[in-house]
């Protein structure tokens, strides 16, 4: 008989939980009584370390979100971000070796989660789970994540009530070729048959506006290194325009029709590297790409220094201010004939990342209450404000109008139409953007429905917002593309490929595969950057051959075999969940 999480919690409350320390071996933890409700306040202030594999900020959470968390939980968040601390696994490995990754941990489920659980770095939170009423609405997802474990060690992210065959993103997909539509229009709306055809178009756009309003040189394309892993991350992005997503060293189409290795001579990854190389030869690739981080790049988009964006949530979010769009300037999706854009289906059992409480957390009950709050309407609106357009706190950025529908306040208009705004002192003060949650993870999908209002958390999907957003930029895009939104355009033109939300996670690498992967990916990333900035096509080809030979010599084929098997397993899981939910 399968027990629900709440039943497991009741059983776990009667037992002593034994955790293994990564450094000291088995160490029994104190026996915890099951609780059914959290305290409404805490007297003692605490600061917790949040090890966050997704964060692009390191340090104390400041601003209005930090103020909100402190008022509710008397708790401050010290964010530890490997993306900022040089990237890679160094920080993770150092803290794991020390036996204390963090008090609250945001990490990948699957391999990472299993390693941390087996290493004794995670707390069994089963005794808190009966009190976690907001997370409890997604009990099936919690069950799935902790399947096979002897307790409740992790909680899902990006949970939703949508079908897994439905896109999870809302009005815009996660990926897509977004460009400065005003400059594209000025160029005469040239036809873009393929990714490669985009290059002369971008060159023409850069030539038309060689200098940004701040006096700095513009570049059509600009890259950054923060998210490099198995490959040069930015080179993965164009592969998604053709239905692919990454599985280690493999690329897999969302419908399971094609699988390929990233080093395949005629594969999509090498195609993307060549695209960047040709952009550099044309003088339209930012030479700062090898040294700048995401925050620097964001500022460049805000200042109008970059003309092409891999994602709507970068170009549009940074540049499409009220002032700019009213003057007809902004990022919109380009009509590329050969694209079939990959879309993540709503995850039936949550996304690829999880929340977990560290085994050595000083006040795990309070952290569990905080995690549960992130799944509440208030928490989802506040925390998701950094990702995919959640509206922020009621009373600050939005309120119910006379028709009992959510509508942006004056400050909300300033923030979401003009790019930022000053938060009142009673909300913590400072810049809204700077003060937003730096966790960079959604507990609940922003397009899911807020049970308090009956409308999505995402303000972009509110009738009140859509009625206000007609502007010269979107009107021109709609007239040219023949669709009111990006998603409508992609659906109407059969250019959307949804990978059903199966919540698949690859199994843990064996120690041998992990060792091989680490040495292979290091050479792939390093040589990929060299290829992008190669001085000639001949040097590009020579570097490619060298990368292929070196990677294969280091064990690439053996790792790829594992990744291909995982890609096929993912496809089987997608087909199974689509059948389970009737699509």
Protein backbone atom coordinates (compact mmCIF):
# COMPACT_ATOMS: atom_id res chain seq x y z
CA UNK A 1 0.00 0.00 0.00
CA UNK A 2 1.35 3.43 -0.94
CA UNK A 3 1.33 6.03 1.83
CA UNK A 4 0.78 9.71 1.13
CA UNK A 5 3.30 12.24 2.42
CA UNK A 6 1.02 13.10 5.32
CA UNK A 7 0.78 9.45 6.30
CA UNK A 8 4.54 9.07 6.02
CA UNK A 9 4.88 12.14 8.24
CA UNK A 10 2.78 10.53 10.93
CA UNK A 11 4.90 7.38 10.84
CA UNK A 12 8.17 9.31 10.73
CA UNK A 13 7.20 11.29 13.80
CA UNK A 14 7.38 8.08 15.84
CA UNK A 15 10.88 7.19 14.67
CA UNK A 16 14.32 8.61 15.13
CA UNK A 17 15.71 9.92 11.88
CA UNK A 18 19.33 8.88 11.22
CA UNK A 19 21.36 11.10 8.92
CA UNK A 20 24.84 10.56 7.59
CA UNK A 21 27.30 13.41 7.68
CA UNK A 22 29.47 13.74 4.59
CA UNK A 23 32.49 14.10 6.84
CA UNK A 24 31.76 12.43 10.15
CA UNK A 25 29.73 9.38 9.15
CA UNK A 26 26.41 8.35 10.72
CA UNK A 27 25.07 10.74 13.31
CA UNK A 28 21.59 10.36 14.80
CA UNK A 29 19.45 13.48 14.85
CA UNK A 30 16.99 14.44 17.55
CA UNK A 31 13.58 12.84 17.50
CA UNK A 32 11.01 15.31 16.22
CA UNK A 33 7.36 15.46 17.10
CA UNK A 34 4.90 15.83 14.24
CA UNK A 35 3.36 19.29 14.01
CA UNK A 36 0.12 20.28 12.29
CA UNK A 37 0.54 24.07 12.34
CA UNK A 38 3.45 26.50 12.30
CA UNK A 39 3.88 29.36 14.79
CA UNK A 40 2.48 32.71 13.69
CA UNK A 41 5.60 34.55 14.83
CA UNK A 42 9.18 33.95 15.95
CA UNK A 43 10.93 35.92 18.68
CA UNK A 44 14.56 35.17 17.90
CA UNK A 45 16.04 36.64 14.69
CA UNK A 46 18.05 34.23 12.55
CA UNK A 47 20.06 34.35 9.35
CA UNK A 48 20.03 31.25 7.18
CA UNK A 49 22.42 30.22 4.43
CA UNK A 50 20.56 29.51 1.20
CA UNK A 51 22.67 27.43 -1.16
CA UNK A 52 20.98 28.24 -4.45
CA UNK A 53 22.15 26.56 -7.66
CA UNK A 54 19.95 28.92 -9.72
CA UNK A 55 20.72 32.30 -8.12
CA UNK A 56 22.59 35.00 -10.02
CA UNK A 57 23.20 37.03 -6.86
CA UNK A 58 25.39 36.31 -3.83
CA UNK A 59 24.98 37.88 -0.43
CA UNK A 60 22.15 39.03 1.83
CA UNK A 61 18.70 39.32 0.29
CA UNK A 62 17.97 43.03 0.45
CA UNK A 63 15.02 45.25 -0.42
CA UNK A 64 11.31 44.63 -0.23
CA UNK A 65 11.48 40.83 -0.51
CA UNK A 66 14.05 40.63 2.26
CA UNK A 67 11.91 42.98 4.34
CA UNK A 68 8.81 40.86 3.73
CA UNK A 69 10.60 37.64 4.75
CA UNK A 70 12.06 39.30 7.83
CA UNK A 71 8.67 40.64 8.95
CA UNK A 72 6.94 37.28 8.46
CA UNK A 73 9.65 34.96 9.77
CA UNK A 74 12.15 37.18 11.64
CA UNK A 75 14.65 35.65 9.24
CA UNK A 76 17.27 36.94 6.84
CA UNK A 77 18.45 35.08 3.74
CA UNK A 78 22.16 34.84 2.97
CA UNK A 79 22.30 33.56 -0.59
CA UNK A 80 25.23 31.41 -1.63
CA UNK A 81 25.36 31.23 -5.42
CA UNK A 82 27.76 28.98 -7.33
CA UNK A 83 26.81 30.85 -10.53
CA UNK A 84 28.39 33.95 -9.04
CA UNK A 85 31.27 32.22 -7.29
CA UNK A 86 33.01 31.24 -10.51
CA UNK A 87 30.47 28.71 -11.74
CA UNK A 88 31.07 24.98 -11.94
CA UNK A 89 31.06 22.54 -9.03
CA UNK A 90 33.89 23.95 -6.92
CA UNK A 91 31.73 25.73 -4.33
CA UNK A 92 29.29 22.82 -4.18
CA UNK A 93 32.06 20.27 -3.65
CA UNK A 94 33.82 22.41 -1.04
CA UNK A 95 30.70 22.79 1.07
CA UNK A 96 29.67 19.15 0.66
CA UNK A 97 33.12 18.07 1.82
CA UNK A 98 32.68 20.30 4.87
CA UNK A 99 29.41 18.48 5.58
CA UNK A 100 27.16 21.54 5.48
CA UNK A 101 25.83 22.74 2.11
CA UNK A 102 23.34 25.19 3.58
CA UNK A 103 20.28 25.63 5.80
CA UNK A 104 17.97 25.87 2.79
CA UNK A 105 19.10 24.17 -0.40
CA UNK A 106 17.84 24.78 -3.94
CA UNK A 107 19.32 22.21 -6.27
CA UNK A 108 18.64 19.76 -9.08
CA UNK A 109 16.54 16.75 -8.32
CA UNK A 110 17.79 13.41 -9.52
CA UNK A 111 21.55 12.97 -9.24
CA UNK A 112 22.27 15.96 -7.02
CA UNK A 113 19.32 15.29 -4.74
CA UNK A 114 20.21 11.62 -4.40
CA UNK A 115 23.86 12.42 -3.61
CA UNK A 116 22.88 14.91 -0.92
CA UNK A 117 20.30 12.60 0.61
CA UNK A 118 22.64 9.62 0.67
CA UNK A 119 25.44 11.80 2.04
CA UNK A 120 23.34 12.88 5.01
CA UNK A 121 23.26 16.57 4.09
CA UNK A 122 19.46 16.80 3.94
CA UNK A 123 16.94 16.76 6.77
CA UNK A 124 13.94 14.45 6.70
CA UNK A 125 11.13 17.02 6.96
CA UNK A 126 8.32 14.48 7.34
CA UNK A 127 7.48 15.73 10.83
CA UNK A 128 6.81 19.23 9.43
CA UNK A 129 4.83 18.14 6.40
CA UNK A 130 1.37 17.95 8.03
CA UNK A 131 1.73 21.68 8.79
CA UNK A 132 2.73 22.52 5.21
CA UNK A 133 -0.80 23.18 3.96
CA UNK A 134 0.28 25.11 0.85
CA UNK A 135 2.78 22.50 -0.33
CA UNK A 136 0.22 19.87 0.60
CA UNK A 137 -2.01 20.98 -2.28
CA UNK A 138 0.62 19.34 -4.50
CA UNK A 139 0.95 16.14 -2.51
CA UNK A 140 1.35 13.98 -5.63
CA UNK A 141 4.43 15.96 -6.68
CA UNK A 142 5.95 15.66 -3.20
CA UNK A 143 5.30 11.91 -3.30
CA UNK A 144 6.98 11.59 -6.68
CA UNK A 145 10.11 13.51 -5.70
CA UNK A 146 10.58 11.45 -2.54
CA UNK A 147 9.69 8.15 -4.18
CA UNK A 148 11.95 5.39 -2.84
CA UNK A 149 13.23 7.51 0.05
CA UNK A 150 12.52 6.76 3.70
CA UNK A 151 11.13 10.21 4.40
CA UNK A 152 10.39 13.67 3.01
CA UNK A 153 13.68 15.20 1.94
CA UNK A 154 12.64 17.56 -0.86
CA UNK A 155 9.80 19.71 -2.13
CA UNK A 156 8.99 20.45 -5.80
CA UNK A 157 9.27 23.61 -7.84
CA UNK A 158 7.10 24.96 -10.67
CA UNK A 159 4.10 22.88 -9.70
CA UNK A 160 0.88 23.49 -11.56
CA UNK A 161 -2.65 22.27 -12.10
CA UNK A 162 -2.23 22.47 -15.91
CA UNK A 163 -2.04 19.39 -18.14
CA UNK A 164 1.55 18.29 -18.87
CA UNK A 165 0.95 18.63 -22.61
CA UNK A 166 0.18 22.34 -22.21
CA UNK A 167 2.98 24.94 -22.40
CA UNK A 168 4.09 26.10 -18.99
CA UNK A 169 5.15 29.59 -20.02
CA UNK A 170 2.06 31.70 -20.75
CA UNK A 171 2.09 34.37 -23.48
CA UNK A 172 5.74 33.80 -24.48
CA UNK A 173 7.78 30.59 -24.55
CA UNK A 174 10.95 30.25 -22.48
CA UNK A 175 13.07 30.37 -25.65
CA UNK A 176 12.85 32.12 -28.98
CA UNK A 177 14.65 34.49 -31.38
CA UNK A 178 13.72 37.91 -29.99
CA UNK A 179 15.10 41.00 -31.70
CA UNK A 180 14.69 44.75 -31.64
CA UNK A 181 11.52 44.86 -33.72
CA UNK A 182 11.79 48.61 -34.41
CA UNK A 183 15.15 48.12 -36.13
CA UNK A 184 13.88 45.02 -37.92
CA UNK A 185 10.99 47.11 -39.19
CA UNK A 186 13.38 49.87 -40.24
CA UNK A 187 15.31 47.26 -42.24
CA UNK A 188 12.12 46.46 -44.16
CA UNK A 189 11.06 43.25 -42.37
CA UNK A 190 13.57 41.09 -44.31
CA UNK A 191 12.69 37.41 -44.64
CA UNK A 192 14.47 35.12 -42.19
CA UNK A 193 14.44 31.61 -43.60
CA UNK A 194 16.98 30.02 -41.26
CA UNK A 195 19.12 30.82 -38.25
CA UNK A 196 21.97 31.67 -40.60
CA UNK A 197 19.75 34.13 -42.49
CA UNK A 198 19.39 36.02 -39.24
CA UNK A 199 23.04 37.17 -39.35
CA UNK A 200 22.83 39.70 -42.23
CA UNK A 201 19.58 40.99 -40.76
CA UNK A 202 21.26 41.60 -37.40
CA UNK A 203 24.20 43.26 -39.17
CA UNK A 204 21.83 45.62 -40.94
CA UNK A 205 20.14 46.43 -37.64
CA UNK A 206 23.44 47.15 -35.89
CA UNK A 207 24.56 49.35 -38.78
CA UNK A 208 21.31 51.31 -38.45
CA UNK A 209 21.92 51.97 -34.76
CA UNK A 210 25.65 51.62 -34.05
CA UNK A 211 25.53 53.59 -30.81
CA UNK A 212 23.16 53.26 -27.85
CA UNK A 213 21.58 56.33 -26.20
CA UNK A 214 24.22 56.14 -23.45
CA UNK A 215 26.97 56.61 -26.03
CA UNK A 216 28.21 53.01 -25.88
CA UNK A 217 28.64 50.84 -28.98
CA UNK A 218 25.77 48.47 -29.77
CA UNK A 219 26.21 44.81 -30.61
CA UNK A 220 23.60 42.56 -32.13
CA UNK A 221 24.67 39.58 -30.00
CA UNK A 222 26.18 39.45 -26.52
CA UNK A 223 27.05 36.36 -24.44
CA UNK A 224 28.06 35.48 -20.88
CA UNK A 225 29.70 32.52 -19.14
CA UNK A 226 27.79 32.24 -15.85
CA UNK A 227 25.67 29.23 -16.79
CA UNK A 228 28.21 27.08 -18.65
CA UNK A 229 28.06 23.40 -17.68
CA UNK A 230 28.14 20.41 -20.00
CA UNK A 231 28.59 22.90 -22.84
CA UNK A 232 28.77 26.60 -23.59
CA UNK A 233 25.29 27.40 -22.32
CA UNK A 234 24.55 30.26 -24.71
CA UNK A 235 25.19 27.90 -27.65
CA UNK A 236 22.50 25.58 -26.32
CA UNK A 237 19.89 28.34 -26.69
CA UNK A 238 19.56 28.39 -30.52
CA UNK A 239 19.11 24.60 -30.48
CA UNK A 240 15.81 25.16 -28.67
CA UNK A 241 14.52 27.09 -31.70
CA UNK A 242 14.46 23.75 -33.51
CA UNK A 243 12.72 21.72 -30.80
CA UNK A 244 15.81 20.48 -28.93
CA UNK A 245 16.73 20.59 -25.27
CA UNK A 246 19.81 19.28 -23.50
CA UNK A 247 20.29 15.98 -21.67
CA UNK A 248 23.94 16.07 -20.63
CA UNK A 249 26.01 15.80 -23.83
CA UNK A 250 22.89 14.86 -25.80
CA UNK A 251 20.27 17.04 -27.48
CA UNK A 252 16.75 15.64 -27.67
CA UNK A 253 13.73 16.91 -29.58
CA UNK A 254 10.64 17.47 -27.49
CA UNK A 255 8.62 14.90 -29.43
CA UNK A 256 11.36 12.24 -29.33
CA UNK A 257 11.83 12.26 -33.11
CA UNK A 258 15.55 13.09 -33.03
CA UNK A 259 18.51 12.65 -30.69
CA UNK A 260 22.06 13.84 -31.31
CA UNK A 261 25.37 14.43 -29.55
CA UNK A 262 26.58 17.98 -29.03
CA UNK A 263 29.82 17.24 -30.90
CA UNK A 264 28.09 15.85 -34.00
CA UNK A 265 29.67 17.50 -37.05
CA UNK A 266 26.34 18.62 -38.48
CA UNK A 267 24.52 18.88 -35.15
CA UNK A 268 22.67 21.81 -33.68
CA UNK A 269 25.28 22.70 -31.04
CA UNK A 270 28.08 23.02 -33.58
CA UNK A 271 25.67 24.96 -35.79
CA UNK A 272 25.10 27.43 -32.93
CA UNK A 273 28.85 27.80 -32.32
CA UNK A 274 29.34 28.52 -36.03
CA UNK A 275 26.52 31.07 -35.85
CA UNK A 276 28.33 32.94 -33.06
CA UNK A 277 31.65 32.64 -34.88
CA UNK A 278 30.15 34.14 -38.03
CA UNK A 279 28.56 36.88 -35.92
CA UNK A 280 32.00 37.69 -34.55
CA UNK A 281 33.48 37.79 -38.05
CA UNK A 282 30.73 40.25 -39.05
CA UNK A 283 31.61 42.47 -36.09
CA UNK A 284 28.22 42.01 -34.40
CA UNK A 285 29.32 39.89 -31.39
CA UNK A 286 30.15 41.74 -28.20
CA UNK A 287 33.88 41.28 -27.40
CA UNK A 288 33.02 41.50 -23.67
CA UNK A 289 31.18 38.16 -23.95
CA UNK A 290 34.02 36.16 -22.39
CA UNK A 291 34.30 38.31 -19.27
CA UNK A 292 30.88 39.79 -18.43
CA UNK A 293 28.29 38.22 -16.14
CA UNK A 294 24.50 38.12 -16.39
CA UNK A 295 24.00 41.33 -14.39
CA UNK A 296 26.32 43.26 -16.69
CA UNK A 297 24.50 41.90 -19.71
CA UNK A 298 21.11 42.85 -18.21
CA UNK A 299 22.29 46.43 -17.84
CA UNK A 300 23.39 46.47 -21.48
CA UNK A 301 19.92 45.35 -22.57
CA UNK A 302 18.36 48.06 -20.42
CA UNK A 303 20.61 50.64 -22.06
CA UNK A 304 19.81 49.49 -25.60
CA UNK A 305 23.32 48.14 -26.26
CA UNK A 306 22.19 44.63 -27.39
CA UNK A 307 19.79 43.97 -30.27
CA UNK A 308 19.09 40.21 -30.07
CA UNK A 309 17.89 38.12 -27.13
CA UNK A 310 17.72 34.34 -26.71
CA UNK A 311 14.80 34.71 -24.31
CA UNK A 312 11.84 37.07 -23.85
CA UNK A 313 12.55 37.31 -20.13
CA UNK A 314 15.86 39.04 -20.86
CA UNK A 315 15.38 41.36 -23.83
CA UNK A 316 11.73 42.22 -23.24
CA UNK A 317 11.96 42.42 -19.46
CA UNK A 318 14.98 44.73 -19.55
CA UNK A 319 14.15 46.95 -22.53
CA UNK A 320 10.41 46.95 -23.24
CA UNK A 321 9.60 49.79 -20.88
CA UNK A 322 6.47 51.88 -21.18
CA UNK A 323 8.46 54.73 -22.70
CA UNK A 324 10.22 52.53 -25.24
CA UNK A 325 7.17 50.60 -26.47
CA UNK A 326 5.10 53.79 -26.72
CA UNK A 327 7.79 55.05 -29.09
CA UNK A 328 7.63 51.77 -31.03
CA UNK A 329 10.91 50.34 -29.68
CA UNK A 330 11.32 46.92 -28.13
CA UNK A 331 12.02 43.20 -28.44
CA UNK A 332 9.54 40.89 -30.16
CA UNK A 333 9.87 37.41 -31.62
CA UNK A 334 11.27 37.27 -35.15
CA UNK A 335 9.47 35.27 -37.88
CA UNK A 336 12.05 32.59 -38.62
CA UNK A 337 10.71 30.11 -41.15
CA UNK A 338 12.53 26.97 -40.04
CA UNK A 339 11.96 27.22 -36.30
CA UNK A 340 9.87 24.91 -34.13
CA UNK A 341 10.38 26.40 -30.69
CA UNK A 342 10.78 24.06 -27.75
CA UNK A 343 8.36 24.63 -24.88
CA UNK A 344 8.42 23.02 -21.45
CA UNK A 345 5.10 21.36 -20.74
CA UNK A 346 3.56 22.02 -17.35
CA UNK A 347 5.25 19.56 -15.02
CA UNK A 348 2.80 17.08 -13.59
CA UNK A 349 5.18 16.43 -10.70
CA UNK A 350 7.13 19.69 -10.54
CA UNK A 351 10.18 21.08 -12.30
CA UNK A 352 13.82 20.06 -12.42
CA UNK A 353 14.82 21.81 -9.19
CA UNK A 354 13.80 21.20 -5.59
CA UNK A 355 13.79 22.83 -2.19
CA UNK A 356 15.39 20.93 0.70
CA UNK A 357 16.32 21.70 4.29
CA UNK A 358 19.93 21.16 5.33
CA UNK A 359 20.64 18.47 7.92
CA UNK A 360 22.43 20.98 10.16
CA UNK A 361 19.83 23.76 9.92
CA UNK A 362 19.51 25.50 13.30
CA UNK A 363 15.76 26.15 13.06
CA UNK A 364 14.38 23.72 10.44
CA UNK A 365 10.78 24.28 11.49
CA UNK A 366 11.01 27.96 10.58
CA UNK A 367 12.66 27.12 7.27
CA UNK A 368 9.86 24.61 6.54
CA UNK A 369 7.33 27.37 7.25
CA UNK A 370 9.17 29.65 4.82
CA UNK A 371 9.21 26.98 2.10
CA UNK A 372 5.50 26.38 2.64
CA UNK A 373 4.86 30.13 2.34
CA UNK A 374 6.57 30.16 -1.08
CA UNK A 375 3.71 27.90 -2.29
CA UNK A 376 1.01 30.19 -0.87
CA UNK A 377 -0.66 32.86 -3.03
CA UNK A 378 1.22 35.58 -1.14
CA UNK A 379 4.52 33.76 -1.46
CA UNK A 380 4.04 32.87 -5.13
CA UNK A 381 3.17 36.45 -6.04
CA UNK A 382 6.16 37.83 -4.15
CA UNK A 383 8.85 35.26 -4.96
CA UNK A 384 7.86 34.70 -8.59
CA UNK A 385 8.14 38.41 -9.31
CA UNK A 386 11.67 37.82 -10.62
CA UNK A 387 10.67 35.06 -13.05
CA UNK A 388 8.04 35.00 -15.78
CA UNK A 389 6.03 38.01 -14.66
CA UNK A 390 4.29 37.30 -11.34
CA UNK A 391 2.73 40.49 -10.06
CA UNK A 392 4.43 40.98 -6.71
CA UNK A 393 2.72 41.74 -3.38
CA UNK A 394 -0.91 42.82 -3.22
CA UNK A 395 -1.15 46.40 -2.05
CA UNK A 396 2.28 47.26 -3.43
CA UNK A 397 2.21 46.53 -7.16
CA UNK A 398 -1.43 45.54 -7.64
CA UNK A 399 -4.88 45.63 -6.08
CA UNK A 400 -8.40 44.48 -6.88
CA UNK A 401 -10.32 47.01 -8.99
CA UNK A 402 -14.02 47.85 -8.87
CA UNK A 403 -14.79 44.70 -10.87
CA UNK A 404 -12.91 42.55 -8.31
CA UNK A 405 -10.23 41.86 -10.91
CA UNK A 406 -6.52 42.32 -10.21
CA UNK A 407 -5.03 45.48 -11.72
CA UNK A 408 -1.64 47.15 -11.40
CA UNK A 409 -1.22 50.07 -9.01
CA UNK A 410 0.55 53.27 -10.00
CA UNK A 411 3.80 51.77 -8.69
CA UNK A 412 3.08 48.52 -10.55
CA UNK A 413 2.70 50.48 -13.78
CA UNK A 414 5.98 52.27 -13.17
CA UNK A 415 7.81 49.00 -12.48
CA UNK A 416 6.38 46.82 -15.23
CA UNK A 417 5.98 49.47 -17.91
CA UNK A 418 8.97 51.70 -17.22
CA UNK A 419 11.44 49.14 -15.89
CA UNK A 420 11.67 49.95 -12.17
CA UNK A 421 10.34 52.06 -9.34
CA UNK A 422 11.09 53.13 -5.78
CA UNK A 423 9.41 51.03 -3.10
CA UNK A 424 7.81 52.89 -0.14
CA UNK A 425 9.75 52.82 3.13
CA UNK A 426 7.08 50.74 4.86
CA UNK A 427 7.77 47.99 2.29
CA UNK A 428 11.52 48.16 2.76
CA UNK A 429 12.37 50.99 0.36
CA UNK A 430 14.85 50.99 -2.49
CA UNK A 431 14.56 49.83 -6.09
CA UNK A 432 11.84 47.25 -6.76
CA UNK A 433 14.02 45.31 -9.21
CA UNK A 434 17.01 45.26 -6.88
CA UNK A 435 14.79 44.23 -3.98
CA UNK A 436 13.00 41.38 -5.78
CA UNK A 437 13.56 37.79 -4.70
CA UNK A 438 17.01 36.60 -5.72
CA UNK A 439 16.09 32.91 -5.33
CA UNK A 440 15.41 32.67 -9.09
CA UNK A 441 13.01 29.75 -8.70
CA UNK A 442 9.22 29.51 -8.88
CA UNK A 443 7.52 27.24 -6.37
CA UNK A 444 4.25 27.52 -8.33
CA UNK A 445 4.09 28.30 -12.04
CA UNK A 446 3.29 32.01 -12.51
CA UNK A 447 0.61 31.13 -15.09
CA UNK A 448 -1.20 28.97 -12.53
CA UNK A 449 -4.35 30.36 -10.93
CA UNK A 450 -4.26 32.34 -7.70
CA UNK A 451 -7.05 30.72 -5.64
CA UNK A 452 -7.73 34.05 -3.90
CA UNK A 453 -8.53 35.99 -7.10
CA UNK A 454 -9.32 33.32 -9.69
CA UNK A 455 -6.74 34.88 -12.04
CA UNK A 456 -3.17 33.83 -12.89
CA UNK A 457 -0.29 35.03 -10.74
CA UNK A 458 1.22 36.50 -13.91
CA UNK A 459 0.02 40.04 -14.44
CA UNK A 460 0.62 39.67 -18.17
CA UNK A 461 -2.39 37.34 -18.35
CA UNK A 462 -4.81 39.65 -16.55
CA UNK A 463 -7.60 41.22 -18.66
CA UNK A 464 -6.82 44.60 -17.09
CA UNK A 465 -3.18 44.38 -18.21
CA UNK A 466 -3.95 43.16 -21.72
CA UNK A 467 -6.43 45.99 -22.18
CA UNK A 468 -3.65 48.47 -21.38
CA UNK A 469 -0.83 47.00 -23.40
CA UNK A 470 -1.83 48.02 -26.88
CA UNK A 471 1.06 50.18 -28.07
CA UNK A 472 2.82 51.02 -31.33
CA UNK A 473 5.31 48.16 -30.88
CA UNK A 474 2.84 45.34 -30.22
CA UNK A 475 0.31 46.74 -32.69
CA UNK A 476 2.90 46.66 -35.46
CA UNK A 477 4.07 43.16 -34.50
CA UNK A 478 0.48 41.88 -34.43
CA UNK A 479 -0.32 43.45 -37.80
CA UNK A 480 2.79 41.93 -39.39
CA UNK A 481 2.57 38.50 -37.72
CA UNK A 482 -1.20 38.09 -37.78
CA UNK A 483 -1.49 36.95 -34.16
CA UNK A 484 -2.18 38.71 -30.84
CA UNK A 485 0.55 36.92 -28.84
CA UNK A 486 3.74 34.96 -29.44
CA UNK A 487 2.18 31.70 -28.32
CA UNK A 488 -0.78 32.27 -30.64
CA UNK A 489 1.60 32.86 -33.54
CA UNK A 490 3.61 29.71 -32.83
CA UNK A 491 0.49 27.58 -32.45
CA UNK A 492 -1.15 29.01 -35.57
CA UNK A 493 1.96 28.32 -37.65
CA UNK A 494 2.70 24.88 -36.20
CA UNK A 495 6.01 26.17 -34.83
CA UNK A 496 5.68 25.05 -31.22
CA UNK A 497 6.99 21.76 -29.82
CA UNK A 498 5.88 20.97 -26.28
CA UNK A 499 7.96 18.47 -24.34
CA UNK A 500 5.34 16.95 -22.04
CA UNK A 501 5.98 17.73 -18.38
CA UNK A 502 7.04 14.32 -17.12
CA UNK A 503 9.26 15.56 -14.26
CA UNK A 504 11.97 13.25 -15.56
CA UNK A 505 15.37 13.33 -13.87
CA UNK A 506 18.40 11.45 -15.08
CA UNK A 507 19.77 8.83 -12.68
CA UNK A 508 22.94 9.52 -10.78
CA UNK A 509 26.15 9.15 -12.78
CA UNK A 510 28.44 6.38 -11.65
CA UNK A 511 31.71 7.63 -10.18
CA UNK A 512 33.44 6.69 -13.42
CA UNK A 513 30.97 8.58 -15.62
CA UNK A 514 31.04 11.58 -13.29
CA UNK A 515 34.84 11.73 -13.51
CA UNK A 516 34.79 11.39 -17.28
CA UNK A 517 32.02 13.98 -17.65
CA UNK A 518 33.88 16.58 -15.59
CA UNK A 519 37.05 16.33 -17.64
CA UNK A 520 35.20 16.19 -20.97
CA UNK A 521 32.92 19.17 -20.30
CA UNK A 522 35.89 21.29 -19.26
CA UNK A 523 37.51 20.87 -22.66
CA UNK A 524 34.20 21.31 -24.49
CA UNK A 525 33.44 24.62 -22.77
CA UNK A 526 36.96 25.98 -23.14
CA UNK A 527 37.32 25.03 -26.80
CA UNK A 528 33.78 26.18 -27.64
CA UNK A 529 34.67 29.72 -26.52
CA UNK A 530 37.85 29.56 -28.58
CA UNK A 531 35.81 28.49 -31.62
CA UNK A 532 33.41 31.41 -31.22
CA UNK A 533 36.31 33.86 -31.33
CA UNK A 534 38.40 31.94 -33.87
CA UNK A 535 40.25 34.22 -36.29
CA UNK A 536 39.08 32.35 -39.39
CA UNK A 537 36.78 29.59 -40.60
CA UNK A 538 39.84 27.37 -40.97
CA UNK A 539 40.78 27.91 -37.34
CA UNK A 540 37.19 27.23 -36.30
CA UNK A 541 37.23 23.90 -38.15
CA UNK A 542 40.64 23.04 -36.72
CA UNK A 543 39.46 23.75 -33.18
CA UNK A 544 36.33 21.69 -33.76
CA UNK A 545 38.37 18.71 -34.91
CA UNK A 546 40.70 19.15 -31.94
CA UNK A 547 37.75 19.37 -29.51
CA UNK A 548 36.16 16.24 -30.95
CA UNK A 549 39.41 14.31 -30.79
CA UNK A 550 40.33 15.46 -27.28
CA UNK A 551 36.81 14.92 -25.92
CA UNK A 552 36.63 11.43 -27.37
CA UNK A 553 40.04 10.65 -25.92
CA UNK A 554 38.79 11.73 -22.50
CA UNK A 555 35.71 9.48 -22.66
CA UNK A 556 33.06 11.57 -24.43
CA UNK A 557 31.53 8.57 -26.25
CA UNK A 558 31.10 6.63 -23.03
CA UNK A 559 29.33 9.54 -21.32
CA UNK A 560 27.23 10.26 -24.42
CA UNK A 561 26.00 6.67 -24.42
CA UNK A 562 24.64 7.22 -20.91
CA UNK A 563 23.09 10.56 -21.87
CA UNK A 564 21.45 9.09 -24.98
CA UNK A 565 19.89 6.35 -22.87
CA UNK A 566 18.63 9.01 -20.46
CA UNK A 567 17.22 11.05 -23.36
CA UNK A 568 15.29 8.01 -24.56
CA UNK A 569 14.04 7.34 -21.03
CA UNK A 570 12.90 10.96 -20.80
CA UNK A 571 10.99 10.57 -24.04
CA UNK A 572 9.32 7.40 -22.74
CA UNK A 573 8.34 9.25 -19.55
CA UNK A 574 6.90 12.13 -21.59
CA UNK A 575 4.83 9.77 -23.70
CA UNK A 576 3.63 7.97 -20.58
CA UNK A 577 2.56 11.12 -18.74
CA UNK A 578 0.81 12.44 -21.87
CA UNK A 579 -1.13 9.17 -22.10
CA UNK A 580 -1.89 9.22 -18.36
CA UNK A 581 -3.43 12.67 -18.58
CA UNK A 582 -5.43 11.86 -21.69
CA UNK A 583 -3.45 13.62 -24.41
